[in-house]
C-alpha cells in the first residue's frame, strides 16, 4: 500500500522487515512495535520533524485535514 501524501509532506512506507525498533505514533501516542510496517512522514521543509505513524492513524490525519 502506498500512503496518502498531502501537499507539502514527504511520506515513506517503512516495511516490517526494516522496522527494527519501537516508535511512538504522534497521533494516538501508542507504540508502534518493532517489526510492524508503518508510515514515516515529515513536512518537506522540516526533515528534523520526521515521525513514525501507524498506517491507520496517518490515513485518519490526512483525511480529516489535521496535517
N, C-alpha and C. Protein backbone atom coordinates (compact mmCIF):
# COMPACT_ATOMS: atom_id res chain seq x y z
N UNK A 1 0.83 -1.18 0.00
CA UNK A 1 0.00 0.00 0.00
C UNK A 1 0.88 1.25 0.00
N UNK A 2 0.56 2.20 -0.86
CA UNK A 2 1.27 3.47 -0.90
C UNK A 2 0.51 4.46 -0.03
N UNK A 3 1.19 5.08 0.95
CA UNK A 3 0.48 6.01 1.83
C UNK A 3 0.03 7.26 1.08
N UNK A 4 -1.03 7.87 1.58
CA UNK A 4 -1.52 9.12 1.02
C UNK A 4 -0.51 10.22 1.35
N UNK A 5 -0.29 11.13 0.38
CA UNK A 5 0.70 12.19 0.55
C UNK A 5 0.03 13.55 0.38
N UNK A 6 -0.19 14.26 1.47
CA UNK A 6 -0.76 15.60 1.34
C UNK A 6 0.29 16.58 0.81
N UNK A 7 -0.16 17.69 0.23
CA UNK A 7 0.75 18.71 -0.27
C UNK A 7 1.67 19.18 0.85
N UNK A 8 2.95 19.32 0.52
CA UNK A 8 3.92 19.83 1.47
C UNK A 8 4.54 18.79 2.38
N UNK A 9 4.24 17.52 2.16
CA UNK A 9 4.76 16.45 3.00
C UNK A 9 5.58 15.45 2.19
N UNK A 10 6.56 14.86 2.84
CA UNK A 10 7.30 13.71 2.32
C UNK A 10 6.81 12.50 3.12
N UNK A 11 6.53 11.42 2.44
CA UNK A 11 5.99 10.23 3.10
C UNK A 11 6.66 8.99 2.53
N UNK A 12 7.10 8.12 3.41
CA UNK A 12 7.69 6.84 3.02
C UNK A 12 7.00 5.71 3.77
N UNK A 13 7.00 4.56 3.17
CA UNK A 13 6.48 3.35 3.80
C UNK A 13 7.64 2.62 4.45
N UNK A 14 7.52 2.29 5.72
CA UNK A 14 8.53 1.50 6.43
C UNK A 14 8.03 0.07 6.49
N UNK A 15 8.64 -0.83 5.70
CA UNK A 15 8.19 -2.22 5.73
C UNK A 15 8.59 -2.90 7.04
N UNK A 16 7.85 -3.90 7.40
CA UNK A 16 8.07 -4.59 8.68
C UNK A 16 9.50 -5.10 8.83
N UNK A 17 10.09 -5.60 7.77
CA UNK A 17 11.44 -6.17 7.89
C UNK A 17 12.49 -5.10 8.18
N UNK A 18 12.18 -3.83 7.91
CA UNK A 18 13.12 -2.74 8.19
C UNK A 18 12.81 -2.00 9.49
N UNK A 19 11.69 -2.27 10.09
CA UNK A 19 11.29 -1.61 11.34
C UNK A 19 11.94 -2.34 12.51
N UNK A 20 13.13 -1.89 12.87
CA UNK A 20 13.94 -2.64 13.83
C UNK A 20 13.77 -2.21 15.28
N UNK A 21 13.07 -1.11 15.50
CA UNK A 21 12.85 -0.69 16.88
C UNK A 21 11.45 -0.14 17.06
N UNK A 22 11.10 0.10 18.29
CA UNK A 22 9.77 0.61 18.62
C UNK A 22 9.75 2.13 18.48
N UNK A 23 8.61 2.66 18.00
CA UNK A 23 8.40 4.10 17.89
C UNK A 23 7.08 4.45 18.56
N UNK A 24 6.86 5.74 18.79
CA UNK A 24 5.59 6.22 19.35
C UNK A 24 4.88 7.02 18.27
N UNK A 25 3.65 6.66 17.99
CA UNK A 25 2.85 7.35 16.99
C UNK A 25 2.47 8.74 17.51
N UNK A 26 2.71 9.83 16.73
CA UNK A 26 2.37 11.17 17.20
C UNK A 26 0.86 11.43 17.24
N UNK A 27 0.09 10.61 16.59
CA UNK A 27 -1.36 10.82 16.56
C UNK A 27 -2.04 10.22 17.79
N UNK A 28 -1.81 8.95 18.04
CA UNK A 28 -2.51 8.27 19.13
C UNK A 28 -1.67 8.13 20.40
N UNK A 29 -0.35 8.32 20.28
CA UNK A 29 0.52 8.20 21.44
C UNK A 29 0.86 6.78 21.83
N UNK A 30 0.39 5.81 21.06
CA UNK A 30 0.67 4.40 21.36
C UNK A 30 1.91 3.94 20.62
N UNK A 31 2.48 2.85 21.10
CA UNK A 31 3.70 2.30 20.50
C UNK A 31 3.41 1.67 19.14
N UNK A 32 4.40 1.81 18.27
CA UNK A 32 4.47 1.04 17.03
C UNK A 32 5.58 0.03 17.29
N UNK A 33 5.23 -1.21 17.46
CA UNK A 33 6.20 -2.24 17.84
C UNK A 33 7.22 -2.47 16.73
N UNK A 34 8.39 -2.95 17.12
CA UNK A 34 9.38 -3.37 16.15
C UNK A 34 8.78 -4.46 15.27
N UNK A 35 9.19 -4.49 14.03
CA UNK A 35 8.73 -5.49 13.04
C UNK A 35 7.28 -5.28 12.61
N UNK A 36 6.76 -4.05 12.77
CA UNK A 36 5.42 -3.71 12.29
C UNK A 36 5.58 -2.63 11.23
N UNK A 37 5.06 -2.87 10.05
CA UNK A 37 5.12 -1.88 8.98
C UNK A 37 4.34 -0.63 9.37
N UNK A 38 4.82 0.53 8.93
CA UNK A 38 4.16 1.79 9.27
C UNK A 38 4.59 2.88 8.29
N UNK A 39 4.14 4.10 8.54
CA UNK A 39 4.42 5.25 7.69
C UNK A 39 5.41 6.17 8.39
N UNK A 40 6.36 6.70 7.62
CA UNK A 40 7.28 7.71 8.12
C UNK A 40 7.01 8.98 7.32
N UNK A 41 6.73 10.09 8.00
CA UNK A 41 6.34 11.32 7.30
C UNK A 41 6.94 12.55 7.98
N UNK A 42 7.15 13.60 7.16
CA UNK A 42 7.67 14.85 7.67
C UNK A 42 7.32 15.98 6.70
N UNK A 43 7.18 17.21 7.24
CA UNK A 43 6.95 18.35 6.35
C UNK A 43 8.18 18.52 5.44
N UNK A 44 7.96 18.85 4.17
CA UNK A 44 9.05 18.92 3.19
C UNK A 44 10.18 19.84 3.63
N UNK A 45 9.88 20.93 4.26
CA UNK A 45 10.91 21.89 4.64
C UNK A 45 11.45 21.68 6.06
N UNK A 46 11.01 20.61 6.73
CA UNK A 46 11.44 20.35 8.11
C UNK A 46 11.74 18.86 8.33
N UNK A 47 12.80 18.35 7.71
CA UNK A 47 13.09 16.91 7.85
C UNK A 47 13.41 16.49 9.28
N UNK A 48 13.77 17.43 10.13
CA UNK A 48 14.04 17.11 11.53
C UNK A 48 12.76 16.77 12.30
N UNK A 49 11.60 17.01 11.68
CA UNK A 49 10.32 16.67 12.30
C UNK A 49 9.76 15.34 11.78
N UNK A 50 10.63 14.50 11.28
CA UNK A 50 10.21 13.18 10.79
C UNK A 50 9.62 12.36 11.93
N UNK A 51 8.46 11.76 11.66
CA UNK A 51 7.77 10.96 12.68
C UNK A 51 7.27 9.65 12.07
N UNK A 52 7.11 8.66 12.93
CA UNK A 52 6.63 7.34 12.55
C UNK A 52 5.18 7.22 13.00
N UNK A 53 4.31 6.85 12.07
CA UNK A 53 2.87 6.80 12.31
C UNK A 53 2.32 5.40 12.04
N UNK A 54 1.31 4.98 12.82
CA UNK A 54 0.53 3.80 12.43
C UNK A 54 -0.12 4.11 11.09
N UNK A 55 -0.28 3.11 10.24
CA UNK A 55 -0.93 3.33 8.94
C UNK A 55 -2.30 3.97 9.11
N UNK A 56 -3.12 3.41 10.00
CA UNK A 56 -4.48 3.93 10.15
C UNK A 56 -4.50 5.33 10.75
N UNK A 57 -3.59 5.64 11.66
CA UNK A 57 -3.53 6.98 12.22
C UNK A 57 -3.15 8.00 11.15
N UNK A 58 -2.22 7.62 10.27
CA UNK A 58 -1.83 8.52 9.18
C UNK A 58 -3.01 8.79 8.26
N UNK A 59 -3.71 7.73 7.87
CA UNK A 59 -4.88 7.91 6.97
C UNK A 59 -5.93 8.81 7.61
N UNK A 60 -6.20 8.63 8.89
CA UNK A 60 -7.19 9.46 9.58
C UNK A 60 -6.75 10.91 9.60
N UNK A 61 -5.48 11.15 9.92
CA UNK A 61 -4.97 12.53 9.97
C UNK A 61 -5.05 13.20 8.62
N UNK A 62 -4.70 12.48 7.54
CA UNK A 62 -4.75 13.06 6.20
C UNK A 62 -6.18 13.36 5.82
N UNK A 63 -7.06 12.40 5.98
CA UNK A 63 -8.45 12.57 5.55
C UNK A 63 -9.21 13.61 6.36
N UNK A 64 -8.81 13.80 7.61
CA UNK A 64 -9.50 14.79 8.44
C UNK A 64 -8.90 16.18 8.30
N UNK A 65 -7.79 16.28 7.57
CA UNK A 65 -7.15 17.59 7.37
C UNK A 65 -6.36 18.08 8.57
N UNK A 66 -5.94 17.20 9.46
CA UNK A 66 -5.22 17.62 10.66
C UNK A 66 -3.75 17.93 10.42
N UNK A 67 -3.26 17.75 9.22
CA UNK A 67 -1.84 17.98 8.96
C UNK A 67 -1.59 19.36 8.42
